[in-house]
Amino acid sequence: MEVFLIRHTSPAVEKGTCYGQSDIPVADSFAEEFAQLRLHIPGQFGKVYTSPLQRCSKLALKLSSSPNIIYDKRLMELNFGTWEGKKWDDLSGPELDRWMKDFVTMPVPGGENFEMLYNRTKSFYDELMRSDDKQVGVVCHAGVIRAFLAIVLEMPLRNAFKIPVNYASVTKIQLNAETCYSSLEFLNRV
């Protein structure tokens, strides 16, 4: 199975804002970013799985027709709880320091930790591996893409954030029946 992990295009949010599961629109650069992204993916996908957040679902609708799009909450970004919509610079203090030292197991106040995001991504991955899909697009967020890569590369979760995941990036993974990858390509990294 070919899996194209596609990060949403740039969001319309002020730089430095913590926006995780906030449902913000895409930036005015959407059409330009989509045109570049399009160069690295096949024609229309038969099936596209997407986060229901509009910055992903808008892109999914450009990649497939509506009946072939599957909205899946497991593909949503990390829930930043009480930090949603706040500036990262305004979050300094012991609470942020504790989370930064152990984001894998320490949940954000009122939100998730990376292990929780990983577990829902793993649930999606396991279900995908049981499907008979040959080629799919998965439109989601940087955290989910990193979790997906941690699954297929069997890497420690702490190391997942060493993988750069730019807006409108495409990561192609060839998965085989034994639930392991046989190839991995970062198609349009800046």
N, C-alpha and C. Protein backbone atom coordinates (compact mmCIF):
# COMPACT_ATOMS: atom_id res chain seq x y z
N MET A 1 0.84 -1.18 0.00
CA MET A 1 0.00 0.00 0.00
C MET A 1 0.89 1.24 0.00
N GLU A 2 0.52 2.21 -0.84
CA GLU A 2 1.19 3.50 -0.84
C GLU A 2 0.38 4.47 0.00
N VAL A 3 1.03 5.07 0.97
CA VAL A 3 0.39 6.05 1.84
C VAL A 3 1.10 7.38 1.64
N PHE A 4 0.33 8.39 1.27
CA PHE A 4 0.85 9.74 1.11
C PHE A 4 0.40 10.54 2.32
N LEU A 5 1.34 10.84 3.22
CA LEU A 5 1.04 11.67 4.38
C LEU A 5 1.22 13.12 3.95
N ILE A 6 0.16 13.89 4.01
CA ILE A 6 0.16 15.25 3.47
C ILE A 6 -0.21 16.22 4.60
N ARG A 7 0.72 17.12 4.89
CA ARG A 7 0.40 18.13 5.90
C ARG A 7 -0.39 19.26 5.25
N HIS A 8 -1.31 19.80 5.98
CA HIS A 8 -2.12 20.92 5.50
C HIS A 8 -1.23 22.10 5.09
N THR A 9 -1.79 22.99 4.31
CA THR A 9 -1.08 24.20 3.89
C THR A 9 -1.01 25.18 5.07
N SER A 10 -0.36 26.30 4.85
CA SER A 10 -0.20 27.30 5.91
C SER A 10 -1.55 27.76 6.45
N PRO A 11 -1.67 27.85 7.77
CA PRO A 11 -2.92 28.32 8.37
C PRO A 11 -2.95 29.84 8.45
N ALA A 12 -4.13 30.39 8.53
CA ALA A 12 -4.32 31.84 8.69
C ALA A 12 -4.31 32.16 10.17
N VAL A 13 -3.12 32.14 10.74
CA VAL A 13 -2.96 32.42 12.17
C VAL A 13 -1.64 33.16 12.36
N GLU A 14 -1.62 34.02 13.33
CA GLU A 14 -0.41 34.78 13.60
C GLU A 14 0.71 33.83 14.05
N LYS A 15 1.89 34.03 13.49
CA LYS A 15 3.04 33.20 13.83
C LYS A 15 3.28 33.24 15.34
N GLY A 16 3.61 32.07 15.89
CA GLY A 16 3.87 31.98 17.32
C GLY A 16 2.64 31.67 18.15
N THR A 17 1.52 31.35 17.48
CA THR A 17 0.28 31.02 18.19
C THR A 17 0.17 29.51 18.34
N CYS A 18 -0.25 29.08 19.50
CA CYS A 18 -0.50 27.66 19.77
C CYS A 18 -1.92 27.37 19.30
N TYR A 19 -2.06 26.55 18.24
CA TYR A 19 -3.41 26.39 17.67
C TYR A 19 -3.86 24.94 17.53
N GLY A 20 -3.06 23.94 17.81
CA GLY A 20 -3.43 22.53 17.81
C GLY A 20 -4.76 22.16 17.19
N GLN A 21 -5.81 22.00 18.00
CA GLN A 21 -7.12 21.58 17.50
C GLN A 21 -8.07 22.75 17.25
N SER A 22 -7.56 23.97 17.30
CA SER A 22 -8.39 25.12 16.93
C SER A 22 -8.71 25.01 15.44
N ASP A 23 -9.95 25.26 15.08
CA ASP A 23 -10.37 25.10 13.69
C ASP A 23 -10.19 26.41 12.93
N ILE A 24 -8.95 26.67 12.53
CA ILE A 24 -8.63 27.91 11.85
C ILE A 24 -8.58 27.69 10.34
N PRO A 25 -8.88 28.72 9.56
CA PRO A 25 -8.86 28.58 8.10
C PRO A 25 -7.44 28.57 7.55
N VAL A 26 -7.34 28.33 6.25
CA VAL A 26 -6.04 28.34 5.59
C VAL A 26 -5.67 29.77 5.20
N ALA A 27 -4.38 30.00 5.00
CA ALA A 27 -3.87 31.31 4.59
C ALA A 27 -4.21 31.57 3.12
N ASP A 28 -4.04 32.81 2.72
CA ASP A 28 -4.31 33.21 1.33
C ASP A 28 -3.38 32.51 0.34
N SER A 29 -2.31 31.92 0.82
CA SER A 29 -1.35 31.23 -0.05
C SER A 29 -1.79 29.81 -0.42
N PHE A 30 -3.02 29.43 -0.06
CA PHE A 30 -3.50 28.06 -0.27
C PHE A 30 -3.32 27.59 -1.72
N ALA A 31 -3.79 28.37 -2.68
CA ALA A 31 -3.74 27.94 -4.10
C ALA A 31 -2.31 27.73 -4.55
N GLU A 32 -1.42 28.61 -4.18
CA GLU A 32 -0.01 28.50 -4.57
C GLU A 32 0.64 27.26 -3.91
N GLU A 33 0.37 27.06 -2.63
CA GLU A 33 0.93 25.90 -1.93
C GLU A 33 0.36 24.60 -2.51
N PHE A 34 -0.94 24.60 -2.82
CA PHE A 34 -1.55 23.41 -3.40
C PHE A 34 -0.91 23.08 -4.75
N ALA A 35 -0.65 24.08 -5.57
CA ALA A 35 -0.03 23.85 -6.88
C ALA A 35 1.33 23.18 -6.73
N GLN A 36 2.12 23.58 -5.76
CA GLN A 36 3.42 22.97 -5.52
C GLN A 36 3.27 21.55 -4.98
N LEU A 37 2.37 21.37 -4.06
CA LEU A 37 2.11 20.06 -3.46
C LEU A 37 1.67 19.07 -4.54
N ARG A 38 0.82 19.54 -5.45
CA ARG A 38 0.24 18.71 -6.51
C ARG A 38 1.31 18.03 -7.37
N LEU A 39 2.47 18.66 -7.48
CA LEU A 39 3.55 18.10 -8.29
C LEU A 39 4.12 16.80 -7.71
N HIS A 40 3.82 16.53 -6.45
CA HIS A 40 4.44 15.40 -5.75
C HIS A 40 3.47 14.28 -5.40
N ILE A 41 2.26 14.36 -5.93
CA ILE A 41 1.28 13.31 -5.63
C ILE A 41 0.63 12.85 -6.92
N PRO A 42 0.05 11.64 -6.91
CA PRO A 42 -0.63 11.15 -8.11
C PRO A 42 -1.89 11.98 -8.38
N GLY A 43 -2.59 11.67 -9.45
CA GLY A 43 -3.84 12.37 -9.77
C GLY A 43 -4.78 12.33 -8.58
N GLN A 44 -6.04 12.19 -8.80
CA GLN A 44 -7.00 12.09 -7.71
C GLN A 44 -6.82 10.77 -6.97
N PHE A 45 -6.87 10.84 -5.65
CA PHE A 45 -6.82 9.62 -4.85
C PHE A 45 -8.18 8.95 -4.87
N GLY A 46 -8.18 7.63 -4.86
CA GLY A 46 -9.44 6.91 -4.74
C GLY A 46 -10.06 7.13 -3.38
N LYS A 47 -9.22 7.26 -2.35
CA LYS A 47 -9.70 7.47 -0.99
C LYS A 47 -8.74 8.42 -0.28
N VAL A 48 -9.31 9.38 0.43
CA VAL A 48 -8.52 10.32 1.23
C VAL A 48 -9.07 10.33 2.64
N TYR A 49 -8.20 10.07 3.59
CA TYR A 49 -8.54 10.18 5.00
C TYR A 49 -8.08 11.56 5.43
N THR A 50 -8.88 12.24 6.25
CA THR A 50 -8.51 13.59 6.65
C THR A 50 -8.96 13.92 8.07
N SER A 51 -8.19 14.77 8.69
CA SER A 51 -8.63 15.41 9.92
C SER A 51 -9.85 16.25 9.56
N PRO A 52 -10.84 16.33 10.44
CA PRO A 52 -12.02 17.14 10.13
C PRO A 52 -11.78 18.65 10.23
N LEU A 53 -10.65 19.08 10.75
CA LEU A 53 -10.38 20.51 10.86
C LEU A 53 -10.26 21.11 9.46
N GLN A 54 -10.81 22.31 9.27
CA GLN A 54 -10.93 22.88 7.93
C GLN A 54 -9.60 23.09 7.22
N ARG A 55 -8.51 23.27 7.93
CA ARG A 55 -7.23 23.45 7.24
C ARG A 55 -6.79 22.15 6.56
N CYS A 56 -7.35 21.03 6.98
CA CYS A 56 -7.09 19.74 6.32
C CYS A 56 -8.21 19.39 5.34
N SER A 57 -9.45 19.55 5.78
CA SER A 57 -10.57 19.12 4.94
C SER A 57 -10.65 19.90 3.63
N LYS A 58 -10.25 21.17 3.63
CA LYS A 58 -10.25 21.95 2.39
C LYS A 58 -9.27 21.33 1.39
N LEU A 59 -8.13 20.92 1.87
CA LEU A 59 -7.13 20.29 1.02
C LEU A 59 -7.62 18.91 0.54
N ALA A 60 -8.23 18.16 1.43
CA ALA A 60 -8.75 16.83 1.07
C ALA A 60 -9.76 16.94 -0.07
N LEU A 61 -10.60 17.96 -0.03
CA LEU A 61 -11.61 18.15 -1.08
C LEU A 61 -10.97 18.48 -2.43
N LYS A 62 -9.76 18.98 -2.44
CA LYS A 62 -9.04 19.24 -3.69
C LYS A 62 -8.36 17.97 -4.21
N LEU A 63 -8.19 16.99 -3.34
CA LEU A 63 -7.46 15.77 -3.70
C LEU A 63 -8.37 14.61 -4.10
N SER A 64 -9.64 14.72 -3.80
CA SER A 64 -10.57 13.63 -4.12
C SER A 64 -11.99 14.17 -4.15
N SER A 65 -12.88 13.37 -4.70
CA SER A 65 -14.29 13.78 -4.70
C SER A 65 -14.90 13.48 -3.33
N SER A 66 -15.91 14.19 -2.99
CA SER A 66 -16.54 14.13 -1.67
C SER A 66 -16.87 12.72 -1.16
N PRO A 67 -17.44 11.83 -1.98
CA PRO A 67 -17.78 10.51 -1.43
C PRO A 67 -16.56 9.67 -1.05
N ASN A 68 -15.39 10.04 -1.52
CA ASN A 68 -14.17 9.27 -1.25
C ASN A 68 -13.35 9.84 -0.10
N ILE A 69 -13.90 10.81 0.60
CA ILE A 69 -13.19 11.44 1.72
C ILE A 69 -13.75 10.89 3.03
N ILE A 70 -12.85 10.46 3.89
CA ILE A 70 -13.23 9.91 5.19
C ILE A 70 -12.67 10.83 6.26
N TYR A 71 -13.56 11.47 7.01
CA TYR A 71 -13.16 12.37 8.10
C TYR A 71 -12.93 11.54 9.35
N ASP A 72 -11.75 11.72 9.96
CA ASP A 72 -11.39 10.89 11.09
C ASP A 72 -10.76 11.75 12.19
N LYS A 73 -11.43 11.84 13.32
CA LYS A 73 -10.94 12.67 14.43
C LYS A 73 -9.60 12.19 14.98
N ARG A 74 -9.27 10.93 14.75
CA ARG A 74 -7.97 10.44 15.22
C ARG A 74 -6.82 11.15 14.52
N LEU A 75 -7.10 11.79 13.38
CA LEU A 75 -6.06 12.48 12.61
C LEU A 75 -5.92 13.96 13.00
N MET A 76 -6.61 14.38 14.04
CA MET A 76 -6.51 15.77 14.50
C MET A 76 -5.17 16.00 15.21
N GLU A 77 -4.73 17.25 15.20
CA GLU A 77 -3.49 17.63 15.85
C GLU A 77 -3.62 17.47 17.37
N LEU A 78 -2.51 17.60 18.06
CA LEU A 78 -2.48 17.52 19.51
C LEU A 78 -3.46 18.54 20.11
N ASN A 79 -4.21 18.12 21.10
CA ASN A 79 -5.12 19.01 21.81
C ASN A 79 -4.30 19.77 22.85
N PHE A 80 -4.16 21.08 22.63
CA PHE A 80 -3.37 21.91 23.53
C PHE A 80 -4.20 22.50 24.67
N GLY A 81 -5.39 22.00 24.87
CA GLY A 81 -6.19 22.36 26.04
C GLY A 81 -6.29 23.86 26.28
N THR A 82 -5.94 24.28 27.49
CA THR A 82 -6.05 25.69 27.87
C THR A 82 -5.04 26.58 27.15
N TRP A 83 -4.10 25.99 26.45
CA TRP A 83 -3.11 26.79 25.71
C TRP A 83 -3.58 27.16 24.31
N GLU A 84 -4.65 26.53 23.83
CA GLU A 84 -5.16 26.81 22.48
C GLU A 84 -5.41 28.30 22.29
N GLY A 85 -4.89 28.83 21.19
CA GLY A 85 -5.10 30.23 20.84
C GLY A 85 -4.19 31.22 21.53
N LYS A 86 -3.36 30.76 22.44
CA LYS A 86 -2.44 31.65 23.15
C LYS A 86 -1.10 31.72 22.41
N LYS A 87 -0.37 32.77 22.66
CA LYS A 87 0.97 32.93 22.09
C LYS A 87 1.93 32.06 22.90
N TRP A 88 2.81 31.37 22.20
CA TRP A 88 3.81 30.55 22.88
C TRP A 88 4.64 31.39 23.84
N ASP A 89 4.96 32.61 23.44
CA ASP A 89 5.77 33.50 24.30
C ASP A 89 5.06 33.84 25.61
N ASP A 90 3.73 33.77 25.62
CA ASP A 90 2.96 34.08 26.83
C ASP A 90 2.81 32.86 27.75
N LEU A 91 3.30 31.72 27.32
CA LEU A 91 3.12 30.49 28.09
C LEU A 91 4.34 30.13 28.94
N SER A 92 5.28 31.04 29.07
CA SER A 92 6.49 30.73 29.83
C SER A 92 6.12 30.44 31.29
N GLY A 93 6.98 29.69 31.95
CA GLY A 93 6.75 29.36 33.35
C GLY A 93 6.96 27.89 33.62
N PRO A 94 6.79 27.49 34.87
CA PRO A 94 7.05 26.09 35.26
C PRO A 94 6.19 25.07 34.53
N GLU A 95 4.93 25.42 34.26
CA GLU A 95 4.04 24.47 33.58
C GLU A 95 4.56 24.15 32.17
N LEU A 96 4.95 25.18 31.43
CA LEU A 96 5.51 24.97 30.09
C LEU A 96 6.84 24.24 30.17
N ASP A 97 7.67 24.61 31.13
CA ASP A 97 8.98 23.95 31.29
C ASP A 97 8.82 22.46 31.54
N ARG A 98 7.87 22.09 32.41
CA ARG A 98 7.63 20.66 32.69
C ARG A 98 7.18 19.94 31.43
N TRP A 99 6.28 20.55 30.69
CA TRP A 99 5.78 19.92 29.47
C TRP A 99 6.89 19.79 28.43
N MET A 100 7.70 20.82 28.26
CA MET A 100 8.78 20.77 27.27
C MET A 100 9.79 19.67 27.61
N LYS A 101 10.02 19.42 28.87
CA LYS A 101 10.97 18.38 29.28
C LYS A 101 10.41 16.98 29.08
N ASP A 102 9.08 16.86 29.11
CA ASP A 102 8.47 15.53 28.99
C ASP A 102 7.13 15.61 28.24
N PHE A 103 7.15 16.15 27.01
CA PHE A 103 5.92 16.28 26.22
C PHE A 103 5.33 14.93 25.83
N VAL A 104 6.15 13.87 25.92
CA VAL A 104 5.66 12.55 25.54
C VAL A 104 4.61 12.07 26.54
N THR A 105 4.86 12.21 27.84
CA THR A 105 3.93 11.68 28.85
C THR A 105 3.21 12.76 29.66
N MET A 106 3.69 14.01 29.62
CA MET A 106 3.07 15.09 30.39
C MET A 106 1.99 15.76 29.54
N PRO A 107 0.72 15.65 29.93
CA PRO A 107 -0.32 16.31 29.14
C PRO A 107 -0.32 17.83 29.35
N VAL A 108 -0.71 18.52 28.32
CA VAL A 108 -0.94 19.96 28.41
C VAL A 108 -2.15 20.15 29.33
N PRO A 109 -2.19 21.21 30.13
CA PRO A 109 -3.37 21.43 30.99
C PRO A 109 -4.67 21.41 30.17
N GLY A 110 -5.54 20.50 30.50
CA GLY A 110 -6.82 20.37 29.80
C GLY A 110 -6.70 19.75 28.42
N GLY A 111 -5.52 19.21 28.07
CA GLY A 111 -5.31 18.66 26.74
C GLY A 111 -4.63 17.30 26.77
N GLU A 112 -3.80 17.07 25.78
CA GLU A 112 -3.16 15.77 25.59
C GLU A 112 -1.65 15.84 25.76
N ASN A 113 -1.04 14.66 25.82
CA ASN A 113 0.40 14.54 25.65
C ASN A 113 0.65 13.84 24.31
N PHE A 114 1.90 13.74 23.92
CA PHE A 114 2.21 13.15 22.61
C PHE A 114 1.88 11.66 22.57
N GLU A 115 2.00 10.99 23.69
CA GLU A 115 1.66 9.56 23.75
C GLU A 115 0.18 9.33 23.41
N MET A 116 -0.68 10.22 23.84
CA MET A 116 -2.11 10.10 23.55
C MET A 116 -2.35 10.29 22.04
N LEU A 117 -1.70 11.28 21.45
CA LEU A 117 -1.81 11.49 20.01
C LEU A 117 -1.27 10.26 19.27
N TYR A 118 -0.14 9.74 19.73
CA TYR A 118 0.46 8.54 19.13
C TYR A 118 -0.53 7.37 19.17
N ASN A 119 -1.18 7.17 20.30
CA ASN A 119 -2.10 6.04 20.44
C ASN A 119 -3.29 6.14 19.49
N ARG A 120 -3.83 7.34 19.30
CA ARG A 120 -4.94 7.44 18.34
C ARG A 120 -4.45 7.31 16.91
N THR A 121 -3.22 7.77 16.65
CA THR A 121 -2.63 7.58 15.32
C THR A 121 -2.38 6.10 15.07
N LYS A 122 -1.93 5.39 16.08
CA LYS A 122 -1.67 3.94 15.98
C LYS A 122 -2.98 3.20 15.71
N SER A 123 -4.05 3.61 16.34
CA SER A 123 -5.35 3.00 16.09
C SER A 123 -5.75 3.19 14.62
N PHE A 124 -5.55 4.39 14.09
CA PHE A 124 -5.83 4.66 12.68
C PHE A 124 -4.93 3.80 11.79
N TYR A 125 -3.64 3.76 12.10
CA TYR A 125 -2.67 2.98 11.33
C TYR A 125 -3.06 1.51 11.29
N ASP A 126 -3.39 0.94 12.43
CA ASP A 126 -3.77 -0.49 12.49
C ASP A 126 -5.00 -0.77 11.62
N GLU A 127 -5.96 0.12 11.66
CA GLU A 127 -7.17 -0.04 10.84
C GLU A 127 -6.83 0.09 9.35
N LEU A 128 -5.97 1.04 9.02
CA LEU A 128 -5.55 1.23 7.63
C LEU A 128 -4.84 -0.02 7.11
N MET A 129 -4.02 -0.62 7.94
CA MET A 129 -3.26 -1.81 7.53
C MET A 129 -4.18 -3.01 7.29
N ARG A 130 -5.36 -3.02 7.87
CA ARG A 130 -6.33 -4.11 7.65
C ARG A 130 -7.19 -3.87 6.41
N SER A 131 -7.07 -2.67 5.83
CA SER A 131 -7.90 -2.35 4.66
C SER A 131 -7.28 -2.95 3.40
N ASP A 132 -8.04 -2.95 2.33
CA ASP A 132 -7.52 -3.44 1.05
C ASP A 132 -7.12 -2.28 0.13
N ASP A 133 -6.94 -1.11 0.70
CA ASP A 133 -6.52 0.06 -0.08
C ASP A 133 -5.15 -0.17 -0.69
N LYS A 134 -4.98 0.29 -1.91
CA LYS A 134 -3.68 0.19 -2.59
C LYS A 134 -2.91 1.50 -2.51
N GLN A 135 -3.66 2.62 -2.51
CA GLN A 135 -3.04 3.94 -2.48
C GLN A 135 -4.01 4.90 -1.81
N VAL A 136 -3.54 5.59 -0.79
CA VAL A 136 -4.39 6.54 -0.08
C VAL A 136 -3.64 7.83 0.21
N GLY A 137 -4.41 8.89 0.32
CA GLY A 137 -3.90 10.15 0.83
C GLY A 137 -4.38 10.30 2.27
N VAL A 138 -3.51 10.82 3.12
CA VAL A 138 -3.86 11.09 4.51
C VAL A 138 -3.50 12.55 4.77
N VAL A 139 -4.52 13.40 4.86
CA VAL A 139 -4.30 14.83 5.07
C VAL A 139 -4.44 15.11 6.56
N CYS A 140 -3.36 15.58 7.15
CA CYS A 140 -3.37 15.75 8.60
C CYS A 140 -2.39 16.82 9.05
N HIS A 141 -1.86 16.66 10.22
CA HIS A 141 -1.06 17.67 10.90
C HIS A 141 0.34 17.13 11.20
N ALA A 142 1.25 18.03 11.51
CA ALA A 142 2.64 17.65 11.76
C ALA A 142 2.77 16.61 12.87
N GLY A 143 2.04 16.79 13.96
CA GLY A 143 2.12 15.83 15.08
C GLY A 143 1.70 14.44 14.67
N VAL A 144 0.64 14.33 13.89
CA VAL A 144 0.14 13.03 13.44
C VAL A 144 1.14 12.40 12.46
N ILE A 145 1.71 13.20 11.58
CA ILE A 145 2.70 12.67 10.64
C ILE A 145 3.91 12.14 11.40
N ARG A 146 4.36 12.88 12.39
CA ARG A 146 5.50 12.42 13.21
C ARG A 146 5.16 11.13 13.95
N ALA A 147 3.94 11.03 14.48
CA ALA A 147 3.51 9.80 15.17
C ALA A 147 3.47 8.63 14.19
N PHE A 148 2.94 8.86 12.99
CA PHE A 148 2.87 7.82 11.96
C PHE A 148 4.27 7.34 11.62
N LEU A 149 5.21 8.26 11.46
CA LEU A 149 6.59 7.89 11.15
C LEU A 149 7.25 7.16 12.32
N ALA A 150 6.91 7.55 13.54
CA ALA A 150 7.44 6.84 14.71
C ALA A 150 6.95 5.40 14.72
N ILE A 151 5.73 5.18 14.25
CA ILE A 151 5.19 3.82 14.17
C ILE A 151 5.98 3.00 13.15
N VAL A 152 6.07 3.49 11.93
CA VAL A 152 6.70 2.69 10.87
C VAL A 152 8.20 2.56 11.05
N LEU A 153 8.84 3.55 11.64
CA LEU A 153 10.29 3.49 11.86
C LEU A 153 10.66 2.90 13.21
N GLU A 154 9.64 2.61 14.02
CA GLU A 154 9.83 2.07 15.36
C GLU A 154 10.81 2.92 16.17
N MET A 155 10.60 4.22 16.12
CA MET A 155 11.50 5.14 16.80
C MET A 155 10.91 5.60 18.13
N PRO A 156 11.76 5.95 19.08
CA PRO A 156 11.25 6.49 20.35
C PRO A 156 10.46 7.78 20.09
N LEU A 157 9.36 7.94 20.79
CA LEU A 157 8.50 9.10 20.57
C LEU A 157 9.23 10.42 20.77
N ARG A 158 10.15 10.47 21.71
CA ARG A 158 10.90 11.70 21.96
C ARG A 158 11.66 12.16 20.72
N ASN A 159 12.06 11.22 19.88
CA ASN A 159 12.84 11.56 18.68
C ASN A 159 11.98 11.99 17.50
N ALA A 160 10.69 11.80 17.59
CA ALA A 160 9.81 12.10 16.46
C ALA A 160 9.86 13.58 16.06
N PHE A 161 10.10 14.45 17.03
CA PHE A 161 10.10 15.88 16.73
C PHE A 161 11.40 16.35 16.07
N LYS A 162 12.31 15.43 15.84
CA LYS A 162 13.52 15.75 15.07
C LYS A 162 13.23 15.71 13.57
N ILE A 163 12.07 15.18 13.21
CA ILE A 163 11.69 15.08 11.80
C ILE A 163 10.99 16.37 11.38
N PRO A 164 11.56 17.09 10.42
CA PRO A 164 10.88 18.31 9.97
C PRO A 164 9.65 17.97 9.14
N VAL A 165 8.55 18.66 9.40
CA VAL A 165 7.31 18.45 8.66
C VAL A 165 6.77 19.84 8.30
N ASN A 166 7.09 20.30 7.12
CA ASN A 166 6.69 21.62 6.66
C ASN A 166 5.23 21.65 6.22
N TYR A 167 4.68 22.86 6.16
CA TYR A 167 3.33 23.00 5.60
C TYR A 167 3.34 22.49 4.16
N ALA A 168 2.27 21.84 3.77
CA ALA A 168 2.08 21.31 2.41
C ALA A 168 3.16 20.32 2.00
N SER A 169 3.77 19.65 2.99
CA SER A 169 4.77 18.64 2.67
C SER A 169 4.09 17.31 2.40
N VAL A 170 4.79 16.46 1.64
CA VAL A 170 4.30 15.14 1.29
C VAL A 170 5.34 14.11 1.67
N THR A 171 4.92 13.12 2.42
CA THR A 171 5.78 11.99 2.78
C THR A 171 5.11 10.74 2.24
N LYS A 172 5.82 10.02 1.38
CA LYS A 172 5.27 8.81 0.76
C LYS A 172 5.88 7.59 1.44
N ILE A 173 5.02 6.70 1.89
CA ILE A 173 5.46 5.46 2.55
C ILE A 173 4.87 4.28 1.80
N GLN A 174 5.72 3.34 1.45
CA GLN A 174 5.27 2.08 0.86
C GLN A 174 5.23 1.07 1.99
N LEU A 175 4.04 0.58 2.31
CA LEU A 175 3.86 -0.40 3.39
C LEU A 175 3.60 -1.76 2.78
N ASN A 176 4.15 -2.78 3.41
CA ASN A 176 3.88 -4.13 2.92
C ASN A 176 2.97 -4.87 3.90
N ALA A 177 2.59 -6.07 3.54
CA ALA A 177 1.60 -6.84 4.31
C ALA A 177 2.05 -7.17 5.72
N GLU A 178 3.33 -7.16 5.96
CA GLU A 178 3.84 -7.49 7.30
C GLU A 178 3.82 -6.28 8.22
N THR A 179 3.09 -5.23 7.84
CA THR A 179 2.94 -3.99 8.60
C THR A 179 4.26 -3.28 8.86
N CYS A 180 5.16 -3.37 7.91
CA CYS A 180 6.36 -2.56 8.03
C CYS A 180 6.61 -1.87 6.70
N TYR A 181 7.37 -0.83 6.74
CA TYR A 181 7.56 -0.07 5.52
C TYR A 181 8.67 -0.69 4.67
N SER A 182 8.56 -0.53 3.37
CA SER A 182 9.63 -0.98 2.49
C SER A 182 10.32 0.20 1.83
N SER A 183 9.67 1.38 1.86
CA SER A 183 10.36 2.59 1.41
C SER A 183 9.68 3.81 2.01
N LEU A 184 10.46 4.85 2.12
CA LEU A 184 10.00 6.10 2.70
C LEU A 184 10.64 7.23 1.92
N GLU A 185 9.82 8.17 1.44
CA GLU A 185 10.34 9.30 0.66
C GLU A 185 9.75 10.60 1.20
N PHE A 186 10.62 11.58 1.41
CA PHE A 186 10.17 12.93 1.73
C PHE A 186 10.19 13.68 0.42
N LEU A 187 9.02 13.94 -0.16
CA LEU A 187 8.93 14.38 -1.55
C LEU A 187 9.14 15.86 -1.80
N ASN A 188 8.74 16.72 -0.91
CA ASN A 188 8.89 18.14 -1.22
C ASN A 188 9.32 18.94 0.01
N ARG A 189 10.36 18.50 0.65
CA ARG A 189 10.87 19.22 1.83
C ARG A 189 11.66 20.43 1.39
N VAL A 190 11.50 21.51 2.09
CA VAL A 190 12.24 22.74 1.77
C VAL A 190 13.60 22.67 2.42
